[in-house]
Amino acid sequence: MEALKRLKDVFQKEKRVRILAIIGALGILLLCLSEFLPKAKKAETNTEPALSAAQFQKETEQRLRETLSKVQGAGRVEVMVTLASSDERVYAADEKSDVKTGRDSTQQSRDAQYVMIDGQNGDEGMLVKTNTPQVLGVIVVCDGGDSPSVKNQITNALCGALGIGANRVSVLKMKSAEE
């Protein structure tokens, strides 16, 4: 009884203690109420859809055409990009491997199961990354394609931008409108 009386005296005398007690009670109340609030939907991690191989090819050709037309002496430019593969999607997998060694032989087994998550249309595989298509080669036809200097500049630009070797780039002269 005496403890309650002492506690009551502290609350009446100390304004700070009263305020802290009220704030603590409100915090506990908010925690309890948060259980009844609706759960927020999971945010999409991949907001941009992956480009298809055809879209990637078209956009790459357009960007290269715009950039290469700015090379001094290139003039009008047309670009054709050839892809070695389409886009590749890598999904998360739970892998288990087992190695059994006997007297005369070794057995190795591997088991992999894809990690599934709740998606918009039911269960979906968990996408880790999407690799863009690999460029096989590029053909550039331009007004300045007969100039060794322009050929060299365009070849170096394409090798650097696309990460391909010079043997995969062909720069040709565009025929004139009179021909």
N, C-alpha and C. Protein backbone atom coordinates (compact mmCIF):
# COMPACT_ATOMS: atom_id res chain seq x y z
N MET A 1 0.80 -1.19 0.00
CA MET A 1 0.00 0.00 0.00
C MET A 1 0.85 1.26 0.00
N GLU A 2 1.88 1.18 0.80
CA GLU A 2 2.75 2.34 0.90
C GLU A 2 3.46 2.62 -0.42
N ALA A 3 3.79 1.57 -1.14
CA ALA A 3 4.47 1.73 -2.43
C ALA A 3 3.56 2.44 -3.43
N LEU A 4 2.28 2.09 -3.42
CA LEU A 4 1.34 2.74 -4.33
C LEU A 4 1.19 4.23 -3.98
N LYS A 5 1.18 4.51 -2.69
CA LYS A 5 1.05 5.90 -2.24
C LYS A 5 2.27 6.71 -2.66
N ARG A 6 3.45 6.10 -2.54
CA ARG A 6 4.69 6.76 -2.93
C ARG A 6 4.71 7.00 -4.45
N LEU A 7 4.26 6.02 -5.22
CA LEU A 7 4.20 6.13 -6.68
C LEU A 7 3.24 7.24 -7.08
N LYS A 8 2.11 7.32 -6.40
CA LYS A 8 1.12 8.36 -6.68
C LYS A 8 1.69 9.74 -6.38
N ASP A 9 2.44 9.87 -5.31
CA ASP A 9 3.08 11.14 -4.97
C ASP A 9 4.10 11.55 -6.03
N VAL A 10 4.86 10.60 -6.54
CA VAL A 10 5.87 10.90 -7.56
C VAL A 10 5.17 11.41 -8.82
N PHE A 11 4.08 10.76 -9.25
CA PHE A 11 3.35 11.20 -10.44
C PHE A 11 2.78 12.60 -10.27
N GLN A 12 2.34 12.94 -9.06
CA GLN A 12 1.75 14.26 -8.85
C GLN A 12 2.82 15.34 -8.78
N LYS A 13 4.00 15.02 -8.25
CA LYS A 13 5.05 16.02 -8.07
C LYS A 13 5.90 16.17 -9.33
N GLU A 14 6.23 15.07 -9.97
CA GLU A 14 7.15 15.10 -11.11
C GLU A 14 6.38 15.13 -12.43
N LYS A 15 6.45 16.25 -13.10
CA LYS A 15 5.74 16.42 -14.38
C LYS A 15 6.40 15.56 -15.47
N ARG A 16 7.73 15.46 -15.45
CA ARG A 16 8.45 14.68 -16.46
C ARG A 16 8.07 13.20 -16.39
N VAL A 17 7.98 12.69 -15.21
CA VAL A 17 7.64 11.27 -15.04
C VAL A 17 6.24 11.01 -15.58
N ARG A 18 5.32 11.92 -15.33
CA ARG A 18 3.95 11.78 -15.82
C ARG A 18 3.94 11.76 -17.35
N ILE A 19 4.69 12.67 -17.96
CA ILE A 19 4.73 12.74 -19.43
C ILE A 19 5.35 11.47 -20.02
N LEU A 20 6.44 11.00 -19.41
CA LEU A 20 7.07 9.76 -19.89
C LEU A 20 6.13 8.56 -19.76
N ALA A 21 5.38 8.51 -18.69
CA ALA A 21 4.43 7.41 -18.50
C ALA A 21 3.33 7.45 -19.55
N ILE A 22 2.85 8.63 -19.86
CA ILE A 22 1.81 8.77 -20.89
C ILE A 22 2.35 8.36 -22.26
N ILE A 23 3.58 8.81 -22.59
CA ILE A 23 4.19 8.44 -23.87
C ILE A 23 4.40 6.93 -23.95
N GLY A 24 4.84 6.32 -22.89
CA GLY A 24 5.04 4.86 -22.86
C GLY A 24 3.73 4.11 -23.07
N ALA A 25 2.67 4.58 -22.40
CA ALA A 25 1.37 3.94 -22.54
C ALA A 25 0.85 4.07 -23.97
N LEU A 26 1.05 5.24 -24.58
CA LEU A 26 0.63 5.43 -25.97
C LEU A 26 1.42 4.52 -26.92
N GLY A 27 2.72 4.36 -26.67
CA GLY A 27 3.54 3.47 -27.49
C GLY A 27 3.05 2.04 -27.44
N ILE A 28 2.75 1.56 -26.25
CA ILE A 28 2.24 0.19 -26.09
C ILE A 28 0.89 0.05 -26.78
N LEU A 29 0.05 1.06 -26.67
CA LEU A 29 -1.26 1.03 -27.32
C LEU A 29 -1.10 0.96 -28.84
N LEU A 30 -0.18 1.75 -29.40
CA LEU A 30 0.05 1.73 -30.84
C LEU A 30 0.57 0.37 -31.31
N LEU A 31 1.44 -0.24 -30.53
CA LEU A 31 1.93 -1.57 -30.88
C LEU A 31 0.80 -2.59 -30.92
N CYS A 32 -0.08 -2.50 -29.95
CA CYS A 32 -1.22 -3.43 -29.92
C CYS A 32 -2.15 -3.20 -31.11
N LEU A 33 -2.40 -1.94 -31.45
CA LEU A 33 -3.29 -1.62 -32.57
C LEU A 33 -2.69 -1.98 -33.92
N SER A 34 -1.37 -2.00 -34.02
CA SER A 34 -0.74 -2.31 -35.31
C SER A 34 -1.03 -3.73 -35.77
N GLU A 35 -1.35 -4.61 -34.86
CA GLU A 35 -1.70 -5.99 -35.22
C GLU A 35 -3.01 -6.05 -35.99
N PHE A 36 -3.88 -5.07 -35.79
CA PHE A 36 -5.19 -5.08 -36.45
C PHE A 36 -5.22 -4.32 -37.77
N LEU A 37 -4.14 -3.60 -38.09
CA LEU A 37 -4.07 -2.85 -39.34
C LEU A 37 -3.81 -3.81 -40.50
N PRO A 38 -4.32 -3.51 -41.70
CA PRO A 38 -4.07 -4.40 -42.85
C PRO A 38 -2.58 -4.39 -43.22
N LYS A 39 -2.11 -5.54 -43.64
CA LYS A 39 -0.71 -5.68 -44.02
C LYS A 39 -0.48 -5.01 -45.36
N ALA A 40 0.66 -4.32 -45.49
CA ALA A 40 1.03 -3.68 -46.76
C ALA A 40 1.50 -4.75 -47.73
N LYS A 41 1.19 -4.55 -49.02
CA LYS A 41 1.64 -5.50 -50.03
C LYS A 41 3.13 -5.36 -50.22
N LYS A 42 3.76 -6.47 -50.62
CA LYS A 42 5.20 -6.45 -50.86
C LYS A 42 5.50 -5.58 -52.07
N ALA A 43 6.56 -4.80 -51.95
CA ALA A 43 6.98 -3.95 -53.07
C ALA A 43 7.63 -4.81 -54.13
N GLU A 44 7.36 -4.49 -55.37
CA GLU A 44 7.98 -5.20 -56.48
C GLU A 44 9.45 -4.82 -56.53
N THR A 45 10.33 -5.81 -56.58
CA THR A 45 11.76 -5.52 -56.64
C THR A 45 12.19 -5.18 -58.06
N ASN A 46 11.53 -5.74 -59.04
CA ASN A 46 11.91 -5.49 -60.43
C ASN A 46 10.79 -4.70 -61.09
N THR A 47 10.91 -3.37 -61.10
CA THR A 47 9.84 -2.54 -61.64
C THR A 47 9.91 -2.44 -63.15
N GLU A 48 11.08 -2.61 -63.73
CA GLU A 48 11.21 -2.54 -65.18
C GLU A 48 11.14 -3.93 -65.77
N PRO A 49 10.26 -4.15 -66.73
CA PRO A 49 10.25 -5.46 -67.36
C PRO A 49 11.48 -5.63 -68.22
N ALA A 50 11.97 -6.86 -68.31
CA ALA A 50 13.16 -7.13 -69.11
C ALA A 50 12.83 -6.95 -70.59
N LEU A 51 13.80 -6.44 -71.34
CA LEU A 51 13.61 -6.25 -72.76
C LEU A 51 13.71 -7.60 -73.47
N SER A 52 12.87 -7.81 -74.48
CA SER A 52 13.01 -9.01 -75.29
C SER A 52 14.22 -8.82 -76.18
N ALA A 53 14.67 -9.90 -76.79
CA ALA A 53 15.84 -9.83 -77.66
C ALA A 53 15.60 -8.86 -78.82
N ALA A 54 14.40 -8.89 -79.40
CA ALA A 54 14.08 -8.00 -80.53
C ALA A 54 14.09 -6.53 -80.08
N GLN A 55 13.53 -6.26 -78.91
CA GLN A 55 13.53 -4.89 -78.39
C GLN A 55 14.95 -4.42 -78.10
N PHE A 56 15.74 -5.30 -77.50
CA PHE A 56 17.14 -4.98 -77.20
C PHE A 56 17.89 -4.66 -78.49
N GLN A 57 17.69 -5.48 -79.51
CA GLN A 57 18.37 -5.29 -80.79
C GLN A 57 17.96 -3.96 -81.42
N LYS A 58 16.67 -3.67 -81.44
CA LYS A 58 16.17 -2.43 -82.05
C LYS A 58 16.69 -1.20 -81.32
N GLU A 59 16.63 -1.22 -79.99
CA GLU A 59 17.11 -0.07 -79.21
C GLU A 59 18.61 0.11 -79.35
N THR A 60 19.36 -0.99 -79.38
CA THR A 60 20.81 -0.90 -79.54
C THR A 60 21.16 -0.31 -80.90
N GLU A 61 20.49 -0.78 -81.94
CA GLU A 61 20.73 -0.24 -83.28
C GLU A 61 20.43 1.26 -83.34
N GLN A 62 19.32 1.68 -82.73
CA GLN A 62 18.93 3.09 -82.73
C GLN A 62 19.96 3.95 -82.00
N ARG A 63 20.38 3.51 -80.84
CA ARG A 63 21.36 4.27 -80.06
C ARG A 63 22.70 4.35 -80.78
N LEU A 64 23.11 3.24 -81.39
CA LEU A 64 24.37 3.25 -82.13
C LEU A 64 24.28 4.16 -83.35
N ARG A 65 23.15 4.12 -84.06
CA ARG A 65 22.95 4.97 -85.23
C ARG A 65 23.07 6.45 -84.83
N GLU A 66 22.41 6.83 -83.75
CA GLU A 66 22.47 8.21 -83.29
C GLU A 66 23.88 8.62 -82.88
N THR A 67 24.58 7.74 -82.20
CA THR A 67 25.92 8.07 -81.72
C THR A 67 26.93 8.10 -82.86
N LEU A 68 26.90 7.09 -83.72
CA LEU A 68 27.89 7.01 -84.80
C LEU A 68 27.70 8.09 -85.85
N SER A 69 26.49 8.59 -86.00
CA SER A 69 26.28 9.67 -86.98
C SER A 69 26.96 10.96 -86.55
N LYS A 70 27.36 11.04 -85.30
CA LYS A 70 28.06 12.22 -84.78
C LYS A 70 29.57 12.14 -84.99
N VAL A 71 30.07 10.99 -85.45
CA VAL A 71 31.50 10.84 -85.71
C VAL A 71 31.85 11.69 -86.94
N GLN A 72 32.89 12.49 -86.83
CA GLN A 72 33.28 13.37 -87.92
C GLN A 72 33.66 12.54 -89.15
N GLY A 73 33.01 12.85 -90.25
CA GLY A 73 33.28 12.18 -91.51
C GLY A 73 32.39 10.97 -91.76
N ALA A 74 31.58 10.58 -90.78
CA ALA A 74 30.73 9.39 -90.95
C ALA A 74 29.55 9.68 -91.87
N GLY A 75 28.94 10.84 -91.75
CA GLY A 75 27.77 11.18 -92.57
C GLY A 75 26.55 10.38 -92.15
N ARG A 76 25.75 9.98 -93.18
CA ARG A 76 24.57 9.16 -92.89
C ARG A 76 25.03 7.78 -92.42
N VAL A 77 24.31 7.22 -91.42
CA VAL A 77 24.73 5.95 -90.83
C VAL A 77 23.54 5.01 -90.72
N GLU A 78 23.76 3.76 -91.08
CA GLU A 78 22.80 2.67 -90.85
C GLU A 78 23.54 1.59 -90.07
N VAL A 79 22.87 0.98 -89.11
CA VAL A 79 23.51 -0.02 -88.25
C VAL A 79 22.66 -1.28 -88.21
N MET A 80 23.32 -2.44 -88.26
CA MET A 80 22.65 -3.72 -88.08
C MET A 80 23.40 -4.50 -87.02
N VAL A 81 22.68 -4.92 -85.98
CA VAL A 81 23.27 -5.68 -84.88
C VAL A 81 22.75 -7.10 -84.96
N THR A 82 23.66 -8.08 -84.84
CA THR A 82 23.28 -9.48 -84.82
C THR A 82 23.54 -10.02 -83.42
N LEU A 83 22.54 -10.72 -82.87
CA LEU A 83 22.66 -11.26 -81.52
C LEU A 83 22.97 -12.75 -81.56
N ALA A 84 23.83 -13.19 -80.66
CA ALA A 84 24.19 -14.60 -80.57
C ALA A 84 23.16 -15.38 -79.77
N SER A 85 22.46 -14.69 -78.87
CA SER A 85 21.49 -15.36 -78.01
C SER A 85 20.42 -14.37 -77.59
N SER A 86 19.36 -14.88 -77.02
CA SER A 86 18.34 -14.00 -76.47
C SER A 86 18.69 -13.71 -75.01
N ASP A 87 17.81 -12.97 -74.32
CA ASP A 87 18.08 -12.68 -72.92
C ASP A 87 18.00 -13.96 -72.10
N GLU A 88 18.77 -13.98 -71.02
CA GLU A 88 18.83 -15.16 -70.16
C GLU A 88 18.37 -14.75 -68.76
N ARG A 89 17.46 -15.51 -68.21
CA ARG A 89 16.95 -15.21 -66.86
C ARG A 89 17.50 -16.24 -65.89
N VAL A 90 18.04 -15.76 -64.79
CA VAL A 90 18.63 -16.62 -63.78
C VAL A 90 17.74 -16.59 -62.55
N TYR A 91 17.29 -17.77 -62.14
CA TYR A 91 16.39 -17.89 -60.98
C TYR A 91 17.15 -18.48 -59.79
N ALA A 92 16.74 -18.08 -58.60
CA ALA A 92 17.35 -18.58 -57.38
C ALA A 92 16.99 -20.05 -57.19
N ALA A 93 17.97 -20.83 -56.76
CA ALA A 93 17.74 -22.25 -56.54
C ALA A 93 18.40 -22.68 -55.24
N ASP A 94 17.75 -23.62 -54.57
CA ASP A 94 18.30 -24.21 -53.36
C ASP A 94 18.98 -25.50 -53.80
N GLU A 95 20.31 -25.52 -53.76
CA GLU A 95 21.06 -26.66 -54.28
C GLU A 95 21.66 -27.47 -53.14
N LYS A 96 21.61 -28.79 -53.33
CA LYS A 96 22.23 -29.72 -52.38
C LYS A 96 23.07 -30.69 -53.19
N SER A 97 24.30 -30.88 -52.77
CA SER A 97 25.14 -31.85 -53.46
C SER A 97 25.69 -32.84 -52.44
N ASP A 98 25.91 -34.04 -52.92
CA ASP A 98 26.34 -35.12 -52.04
C ASP A 98 27.42 -35.93 -52.76
N VAL A 99 28.51 -36.19 -52.08
CA VAL A 99 29.59 -36.99 -52.65
C VAL A 99 29.78 -38.21 -51.76
N LYS A 100 29.69 -39.40 -52.37
CA LYS A 100 29.91 -40.65 -51.65
C LYS A 100 31.13 -41.33 -52.25
N THR A 101 32.10 -41.60 -51.39
CA THR A 101 33.33 -42.23 -51.84
C THR A 101 33.38 -43.65 -51.32
N GLY A 102 33.51 -44.55 -52.26
CA GLY A 102 33.63 -45.96 -51.90
C GLY A 102 35.07 -46.41 -52.11
N ARG A 103 35.28 -47.71 -51.97
CA ARG A 103 36.62 -48.24 -52.17
C ARG A 103 37.08 -48.06 -53.61
N ASP A 104 36.19 -48.36 -54.54
CA ASP A 104 36.57 -48.36 -55.95
C ASP A 104 35.98 -47.20 -56.75
N SER A 105 35.02 -46.49 -56.20
CA SER A 105 34.37 -45.45 -57.00
C SER A 105 33.92 -44.27 -56.13
N THR A 106 33.60 -43.19 -56.83
CA THR A 106 33.07 -41.99 -56.18
C THR A 106 31.76 -41.63 -56.86
N GLN A 107 30.71 -41.47 -56.06
CA GLN A 107 29.41 -41.08 -56.60
C GLN A 107 29.12 -39.65 -56.18
N GLN A 108 28.66 -38.89 -57.16
CA GLN A 108 28.33 -37.50 -56.87
C GLN A 108 26.90 -37.25 -57.34
N SER A 109 26.07 -36.67 -56.46
CA SER A 109 24.70 -36.34 -56.83
C SER A 109 24.42 -34.89 -56.47
N ARG A 110 23.54 -34.30 -57.25
CA ARG A 110 23.19 -32.89 -57.04
C ARG A 110 21.69 -32.75 -57.20
N ASP A 111 21.08 -32.04 -56.26
CA ASP A 111 19.64 -31.81 -56.30
C ASP A 111 19.41 -30.31 -56.19
N ALA A 112 18.60 -29.77 -57.10
CA ALA A 112 18.32 -28.34 -57.09
C ALA A 112 16.82 -28.12 -57.16
N GLN A 113 16.33 -27.23 -56.33
CA GLN A 113 14.92 -26.86 -56.35
C GLN A 113 14.86 -25.33 -56.43
N TYR A 114 14.01 -24.84 -57.34
CA TYR A 114 13.87 -23.40 -57.49
C TYR A 114 13.15 -22.79 -56.30
N VAL A 115 13.59 -21.60 -55.92
CA VAL A 115 12.97 -20.87 -54.82
C VAL A 115 11.71 -20.20 -55.37
N MET A 116 10.57 -20.46 -54.75
CA MET A 116 9.30 -19.90 -55.21
C MET A 116 8.86 -18.78 -54.27
N ILE A 117 8.25 -17.75 -54.87
CA ILE A 117 7.72 -16.63 -54.10
C ILE A 117 6.29 -16.36 -54.56
N ASP A 118 5.54 -15.64 -53.73
CA ASP A 118 4.19 -15.25 -54.11
C ASP A 118 4.28 -14.13 -55.13
N GLY A 119 3.73 -14.36 -56.31
CA GLY A 119 3.74 -13.35 -57.35
C GLY A 119 2.34 -12.83 -57.61
N GLN A 120 2.20 -12.00 -58.62
CA GLN A 120 0.90 -11.44 -58.97
C GLN A 120 -0.04 -12.52 -59.49
N ASN A 121 0.51 -13.50 -60.17
CA ASN A 121 -0.30 -14.57 -60.75
C ASN A 121 -0.05 -15.91 -60.05
N GLY A 122 0.10 -15.91 -58.74
CA GLY A 122 0.37 -17.14 -58.01
C GLY A 122 1.85 -17.27 -57.72
N ASP A 123 2.29 -18.51 -57.49
CA ASP A 123 3.69 -18.75 -57.20
C ASP A 123 4.55 -18.56 -58.45
N GLU A 124 5.69 -17.91 -58.27
CA GLU A 124 6.63 -17.66 -59.35
C GLU A 124 8.02 -17.96 -58.84
N GLY A 125 8.93 -18.26 -59.77
CA GLY A 125 10.33 -18.43 -59.41
C GLY A 125 10.93 -17.09 -59.03
N MET A 126 11.87 -17.10 -58.10
CA MET A 126 12.51 -15.86 -57.65
C MET A 126 13.61 -15.49 -58.64
N LEU A 127 13.38 -14.41 -59.40
CA LEU A 127 14.32 -13.96 -60.42
C LEU A 127 15.49 -13.27 -59.75
N VAL A 128 16.70 -13.76 -59.99
CA VAL A 128 17.91 -13.17 -59.41
C VAL A 128 18.44 -12.08 -60.33
N LYS A 129 18.55 -12.39 -61.63
CA LYS A 129 19.01 -11.39 -62.58
C LYS A 129 18.62 -11.80 -63.99
N THR A 130 18.66 -10.82 -64.89
CA THR A 130 18.41 -11.06 -66.30
C THR A 130 19.63 -10.60 -67.07
N ASN A 131 20.25 -11.51 -67.79
CA ASN A 131 21.41 -11.17 -68.60
C ASN A 131 20.93 -10.71 -69.97
N THR A 132 21.47 -9.59 -70.42
CA THR A 132 21.09 -9.07 -71.74
C THR A 132 21.63 -9.99 -72.82
N PRO A 133 21.02 -9.95 -74.00
CA PRO A 133 21.51 -10.79 -75.10
C PRO A 133 22.96 -10.45 -75.46
N GLN A 134 23.68 -11.45 -75.95
CA GLN A 134 25.06 -11.27 -76.33
C GLN A 134 25.13 -10.84 -77.80
N VAL A 135 25.91 -9.80 -78.06
CA VAL A 135 26.07 -9.29 -79.43
C VAL A 135 27.08 -10.15 -80.16
N LEU A 136 26.68 -10.65 -81.33
CA LEU A 136 27.56 -11.48 -82.14
C LEU A 136 28.38 -10.63 -83.10
N GLY A 137 27.75 -9.65 -83.73
CA GLY A 137 28.48 -8.81 -84.67
C GLY A 137 27.68 -7.57 -85.04
N VAL A 138 28.37 -6.59 -85.69
CA VAL A 138 27.74 -5.34 -86.07
C VAL A 138 28.20 -4.97 -87.48
N ILE A 139 27.25 -4.53 -88.31
CA ILE A 139 27.56 -3.99 -89.62
C ILE A 139 27.15 -2.52 -89.60
N VAL A 140 28.07 -1.66 -90.04
CA VAL A 140 27.79 -0.23 -90.12
C VAL A 140 28.00 0.19 -91.57
N VAL A 141 26.99 0.80 -92.15
CA VAL A 141 27.08 1.35 -93.50
C VAL A 141 26.95 2.86 -93.36
N CYS A 142 27.99 3.58 -93.83
CA CYS A 142 27.97 5.04 -93.67
C CYS A 142 28.63 5.72 -94.88
N ASP A 143 28.37 7.01 -95.01
CA ASP A 143 28.94 7.79 -96.11
C ASP A 143 30.46 7.77 -96.08
N GLY A 144 31.04 7.83 -94.91
CA GLY A 144 32.50 7.89 -94.78
C GLY A 144 33.14 6.53 -94.62
N GLY A 145 32.44 5.47 -95.00
CA GLY A 145 32.94 4.11 -94.81
C GLY A 145 34.16 3.76 -95.62
N ASP A 146 34.54 4.58 -96.61
CA ASP A 146 35.73 4.30 -97.40
C ASP A 146 36.98 4.94 -96.79
N SER A 147 36.82 5.77 -95.79
CA SER A 147 37.96 6.43 -95.13
C SER A 147 38.51 5.53 -94.02
N PRO A 148 39.81 5.22 -94.08
CA PRO A 148 40.41 4.39 -93.02
C PRO A 148 40.28 5.01 -91.63
N SER A 149 40.36 6.32 -91.55
CA SER A 149 40.25 7.01 -90.27
C SER A 149 38.85 6.83 -89.67
N VAL A 150 37.82 7.01 -90.49
CA VAL A 150 36.43 6.86 -90.03
C VAL A 150 36.17 5.40 -89.64
N LYS A 151 36.66 4.45 -90.48
CA LYS A 151 36.50 3.02 -90.16
C LYS A 151 37.11 2.70 -88.81
N ASN A 152 38.31 3.21 -88.56
CA ASN A 152 39.01 2.94 -87.31
C ASN A 152 38.26 3.54 -86.12
N GLN A 153 37.79 4.77 -86.24
CA GLN A 153 37.05 5.42 -85.16
C GLN A 153 35.77 4.66 -84.83
N ILE A 154 35.03 4.28 -85.86
CA ILE A 154 33.77 3.56 -85.65
C ILE A 154 34.02 2.18 -85.05
N THR A 155 35.03 1.47 -85.57
CA THR A 155 35.37 0.14 -85.04
C THR A 155 35.76 0.23 -83.57
N ASN A 156 36.61 1.19 -83.21
CA ASN A 156 37.02 1.36 -81.81
C ASN A 156 35.84 1.71 -80.92
N ALA A 157 34.95 2.56 -81.43
CA ALA A 157 33.77 2.95 -80.63
C ALA A 157 32.88 1.74 -80.37
N LEU A 158 32.65 0.92 -81.40
CA LEU A 158 31.78 -0.24 -81.24
C LEU A 158 32.41 -1.30 -80.34
N CYS A 159 33.72 -1.51 -80.48
CA CYS A 159 34.40 -2.48 -79.62
C CYS A 159 34.30 -2.08 -78.15
N GLY A 160 34.47 -0.79 -77.89
CA GLY A 160 34.38 -0.30 -76.51
C GLY A 160 32.97 -0.33 -75.97
N ALA A 161 32.01 0.06 -76.78
CA ALA A 161 30.62 0.15 -76.31
C ALA A 161 29.98 -1.22 -76.12
N LEU A 162 30.28 -2.15 -77.00
CA LEU A 162 29.62 -3.46 -76.96
C LEU A 162 30.47 -4.58 -76.38
N GLY A 163 31.75 -4.32 -76.15
CA GLY A 163 32.63 -5.33 -75.59
C GLY A 163 32.88 -6.48 -76.55
N ILE A 164 32.98 -6.18 -77.83
CA ILE A 164 33.25 -7.21 -78.84
C ILE A 164 34.58 -6.91 -79.52
N GLY A 165 35.15 -7.90 -80.20
CA GLY A 165 36.41 -7.73 -80.89
C GLY A 165 36.22 -7.03 -82.23
N ALA A 166 37.31 -6.46 -82.74
CA ALA A 166 37.28 -5.75 -84.01
C ALA A 166 36.90 -6.69 -85.16
N ASN A 167 37.17 -7.98 -85.00
CA ASN A 167 36.82 -8.94 -86.06
C ASN A 167 35.31 -9.15 -86.17
N ARG A 168 34.55 -8.62 -85.25
CA ARG A 168 33.08 -8.74 -85.27
C ARG A 168 32.40 -7.47 -85.76
N VAL A 169 33.21 -6.50 -86.24
CA VAL A 169 32.68 -5.22 -86.71
C VAL A 169 33.05 -5.06 -88.18
N SER A 170 32.08 -4.69 -88.98
CA SER A 170 32.32 -4.42 -90.39
C SER A 170 31.77 -3.03 -90.71
N VAL A 171 32.65 -2.15 -91.24
CA VAL A 171 32.25 -0.80 -91.60
C VAL A 171 32.36 -0.69 -93.12
N LEU A 172 31.27 -0.32 -93.78
CA LEU A 172 31.21 -0.27 -95.23
C LEU A 172 30.77 1.11 -95.68
N LYS A 173 31.10 1.45 -96.95
CA LYS A 173 30.71 2.72 -97.52
C LYS A 173 29.27 2.61 -98.03
N MET A 174 28.48 3.64 -97.74
CA MET A 174 27.10 3.70 -98.21
C MET A 174 27.11 4.15 -99.67
N LYS A 175 26.28 3.51 -100.49
CA LYS A 175 26.23 3.93 -101.88
C LYS A 175 25.51 5.28 -101.98
N SER A 176 25.92 6.05 -102.97
CA SER A 176 25.33 7.37 -103.12
C SER A 176 23.95 7.25 -103.75
N ALA A 177 23.16 8.31 -103.68
CA ALA A 177 21.80 8.29 -104.21
C ALA A 177 21.79 8.18 -105.73
N GLU A 178 22.89 8.55 -106.38
CA GLU A 178 22.98 8.50 -107.84
C GLU A 178 23.15 7.08 -108.36
N GLU A 179 23.68 6.19 -107.56
CA GLU A 179 23.97 4.82 -108.03
C GLU A 179 22.74 3.97 -108.11
